[in-house]
Amino acid sequence: MNIKKNDKVKMLSGKDRGKIAKVLQVLPATNKVSVEGLNLLIKHLRPRQQGEKGQRLEFPSFVAVSKLSLICPKCGKATRVGFKIVKKEGARDQKFRICRKCQEIIE
């Protein structure tokens, strides 16, 4: 998956289009991501005991990965993600994510 936890992403569509936020959780099996402060849903809770007030809880819902674009930490632009394999002698090859605009490795 191109997007990982703690990455900065930009929302490409929907009511939060253009906003930038941090990834909280990733579900690779369904290609969905939870982003801090974006795609908020409201859940209404009834009072449990007499005299207690009801509540409205806001929480971020999951968003499809296709609606997000990764923000490169080096150049600060929304970019697509590429991959680069670095060969090491005597050790296993390592695969890194790279920015398609500035060609820098994304950690």
C-alpha atoms as a PDB file:
ATOM      1  CA  MET A   1       0.000   0.000   0.000  1.00  0.00           C
ATOM      2  CA  ASN A   2       1.281   3.485  -0.895  1.00  0.00           C
ATOM      3  CA  ILE A   3       0.058   5.269   2.245  1.00  0.00           C
ATOM      4  CA  LYS A   4       1.186   4.368   5.762  1.00  0.00           C
ATOM      5  CA  LYS A   5       0.346   5.433   9.307  1.00  0.00           C
ATOM      6  CA  ASN A   6       1.543   8.961  10.293  1.00  0.00           C
ATOM      7  CA  ASP A   7       1.865  10.106   6.633  1.00  0.00           C
ATOM      8  CA  LYS A   8       0.510  13.544   5.697  1.00  0.00           C
ATOM      9  CA  VAL A   9      -2.164  13.292   3.005  1.00  0.00           C
ATOM     10  CA  LYS A  10      -4.345  15.653   0.999  1.00  0.00           C
ATOM     11  CA  MET A  11      -8.030  14.909   0.381  1.00  0.00           C
ATOM     12  CA  LEU A  12      -8.814  14.935  -3.361  1.00  0.00           C
ATOM     13  CA  SER A  13     -12.617  14.748  -3.320  1.00  0.00           C
ATOM     14  CA  GLY A  14     -15.674  15.061  -1.116  1.00  0.00           C
ATOM     15  CA  LYS A  15     -16.722  17.638   1.446  1.00  0.00           C
ATOM     16  CA  ASP A  16     -13.167  17.933   2.825  1.00  0.00           C
ATOM     17  CA  ARG A  17     -11.470  18.449  -0.578  1.00  0.00           C
ATOM     18  CA  GLY A  18      -8.103  20.208  -0.358  1.00  0.00           C
ATOM     19  CA  LYS A  19      -7.568  19.660   3.367  1.00  0.00           C
ATOM     20  CA  ILE A  20      -4.303  18.204   4.656  1.00  0.00           C
ATOM     21  CA  ALA A  21      -4.153  15.876   7.665  1.00  0.00           C
ATOM     22  CA  LYS A  22      -2.307  12.948   9.252  1.00  0.00           C
ATOM     23  CA  VAL A  23      -3.192   9.265   8.759  1.00  0.00           C
ATOM     24  CA  LEU A  24      -4.357   7.584  11.973  1.00  0.00           C
ATOM     25  CA  GLN A  25      -5.090   4.030  10.862  1.00  0.00           C
ATOM     26  CA  VAL A  26      -4.688   1.914   7.712  1.00  0.00           C
ATOM     27  CA  LEU A  27      -6.742  -1.101   6.623  1.00  0.00           C
ATOM     28  CA  PRO A  28      -4.751  -2.710   3.772  1.00  0.00           C
ATOM     29  CA  ALA A  29      -7.263  -5.527   3.213  1.00  0.00           C
ATOM     30  CA  THR A  30      -9.988  -3.066   2.166  1.00  0.00           C
ATOM     31  CA  ASN A  31      -7.726  -0.203   0.897  1.00  0.00           C
ATOM     32  CA  LYS A  32      -9.210   2.236   3.409  1.00  0.00           C
ATOM     33  CA  VAL A  33      -7.573   4.825   5.644  1.00  0.00           C
ATOM     34  CA  SER A  34      -8.712   6.805   8.698  1.00  0.00           C
ATOM     35  CA  VAL A  35      -7.523  10.426   8.584  1.00  0.00           C
ATOM     36  CA  GLU A  36      -7.397  12.835  11.537  1.00  0.00           C
ATOM     37  CA  GLY A  37     -10.162  15.458  11.334  1.00  0.00           C
ATOM     38  CA  LEU A  38     -11.458  14.450   7.880  1.00  0.00           C
ATOM     39  CA  ASN A  39     -14.659  12.611   6.923  1.00  0.00           C
ATOM     40  CA  LEU A  40     -16.090  13.079  10.424  1.00  0.00           C
ATOM     41  CA  LEU A  41     -19.249  11.214  11.370  1.00  0.00           C
ATOM     42  CA  ILE A  42     -21.522  12.000  14.316  1.00  0.00           C
ATOM     43  CA  LYS A  43     -22.844   9.264  16.584  1.00  0.00           C
ATOM     44  CA  HIS A  44     -25.699  10.143  18.961  1.00  0.00           C
ATOM     45  CA  LEU A  45     -25.669   8.402  22.338  1.00  0.00           C
ATOM     46  CA  ARG A  46     -28.738   8.174  24.519  1.00  0.00           C
ATOM     47  CA  PRO A  47     -28.503   8.907  28.227  1.00  0.00           C
ATOM     48  CA  ARG A  48     -27.890   5.733  30.243  1.00  0.00           C
ATOM     49  CA  GLN A  49     -29.174   6.941  33.606  1.00  0.00           C
ATOM     50  CA  GLN A  50     -31.886   9.348  34.656  1.00  0.00           C
ATOM     51  CA  GLY A  51     -30.610  12.919  34.895  1.00  0.00           C
ATOM     52  CA  GLU A  52     -27.700  12.242  32.537  1.00  0.00           C
ATOM     53  CA  LYS A  53     -27.496  14.081  29.223  1.00  0.00           C
ATOM     54  CA  GLY A  54     -27.193  12.498  25.816  1.00  0.00           C
ATOM     55  CA  GLN A  55     -24.014  12.999  23.779  1.00  0.00           C
ATOM     56  CA  ARG A  56     -22.871  13.600  20.228  1.00  0.00           C
ATOM     57  CA  LEU A  57     -19.561  11.906  19.432  1.00  0.00           C
ATOM     58  CA  GLU A  58     -17.573  12.970  16.371  1.00  0.00           C
ATOM     59  CA  PHE A  59     -15.116  10.451  14.990  1.00  0.00           C
ATOM     60  CA  PRO A  60     -13.210  10.069  11.700  1.00  0.00           C
ATOM     61  CA  SER A  61     -14.605   7.462   9.335  1.00  0.00           C
ATOM     62  CA  PHE A  62     -12.575   5.474   6.829  1.00  0.00           C
ATOM     63  CA  VAL A  63     -11.806   6.904   3.364  1.00  0.00           C
ATOM     64  CA  ALA A  64     -10.796   5.063   0.201  1.00  0.00           C
ATOM     65  CA  VAL A  65      -7.074   5.387  -0.583  1.00  0.00           C
ATOM     66  CA  SER A  66      -7.924   6.541  -4.118  1.00  0.00           C
ATOM     67  CA  LYS A  67      -9.387   9.769  -2.665  1.00  0.00           C
ATOM     68  CA  LEU A  68      -6.088  10.718  -1.009  1.00  0.00           C
ATOM     69  CA  SER A  69      -2.742  11.976  -2.247  1.00  0.00           C
ATOM     70  CA  LEU A  70       0.489  11.722  -0.258  1.00  0.00           C
ATOM     71  CA  ILE A  71       2.288  14.942   0.724  1.00  0.00           C
ATOM     72  CA  CYS A  72       6.049  14.602   0.181  1.00  0.00           C
ATOM     73  CA  PRO A  73       7.958  15.599   3.356  1.00  0.00           C
ATOM     74  CA  LYS A  74      10.889  16.923   1.282  1.00  0.00           C
ATOM     75  CA  CYS A  75       9.200  19.096  -1.376  1.00  0.00           C
ATOM     76  CA  GLY A  76       5.847  19.614   0.408  1.00  0.00           C
ATOM     77  CA  LYS A  77       3.743  18.866  -2.688  1.00  0.00           C
ATOM     78  CA  ALA A  78       0.938  16.360  -3.206  1.00  0.00           C
ATOM     79  CA  THR A  79       2.465  13.562  -5.235  1.00  0.00           C
ATOM     80  CA  ARG A  80       2.044  10.063  -6.504  1.00  0.00           C
ATOM     81  CA  VAL A  81       4.181   7.350  -4.935  1.00  0.00           C
ATOM     82  CA  GLY A  82       6.807   5.369  -6.794  1.00  0.00           C
ATOM     83  CA  PHE A  83       8.991   2.535  -5.597  1.00  0.00           C
ATOM     84  CA  LYS A  84      12.740   2.022  -5.792  1.00  0.00           C
ATOM     85  CA  ILE A  85      14.643  -1.166  -4.993  1.00  0.00           C
ATOM     86  CA  VAL A  86      18.110  -0.656  -3.535  1.00  0.00           C
ATOM     87  CA  LYS A  87      20.423  -3.655  -3.887  1.00  0.00           C
ATOM     88  CA  LYS A  88      22.850  -4.349  -1.046  1.00  0.00           C
ATOM     89  CA  GLU A  89      25.688  -6.821  -1.231  1.00  0.00           C
ATOM     90  CA  GLY A  90      25.434  -9.661   1.261  1.00  0.00           C
ATOM     91  CA  ALA A  91      21.992  -8.501   2.434  1.00  0.00           C
ATOM     92  CA  ARG A  92      18.437  -8.502   1.163  1.00  0.00           C
ATOM     93  CA  ASP A  93      17.285  -5.860  -1.292  1.00  0.00           C
ATOM     94  CA  GLN A  94      15.283  -3.015   0.230  1.00  0.00           C
ATOM     95  CA  LYS A  95      12.207  -1.431  -1.315  1.00  0.00           C
ATOM     96  CA  PHE A  96      11.632   2.291  -0.659  1.00  0.00           C
ATOM     97  CA  ARG A  97       8.795   4.675  -1.485  1.00  0.00           C
ATOM     98  CA  ILE A  98       9.876   7.665  -3.574  1.00  0.00           C
ATOM     99  CA  CYS A  99       8.260  10.971  -4.492  1.00  0.00           C
ATOM    100  CA  ARG A 100       7.454  11.129  -8.211  1.00  0.00           C
ATOM    101  CA  LYS A 101       8.116  14.895  -8.324  1.00  0.00           C
ATOM    102  CA  CYS A 102      11.457  15.313  -6.514  1.00  0.00           C
ATOM    103  CA  GLN A 103      12.653  11.647  -6.628  1.00  0.00           C
ATOM    104  CA  GLU A 104      13.517  11.705  -2.884  1.00  0.00           C
ATOM    105  CA  ILE A 105      13.013   8.679  -0.626  1.00  0.00           C
ATOM    106  CA  ILE A 106       9.966   8.906   1.658  1.00  0.00           C
ATOM    107  CA  GLU A 107      10.592   7.391   5.091  1.00  0.00           C
END
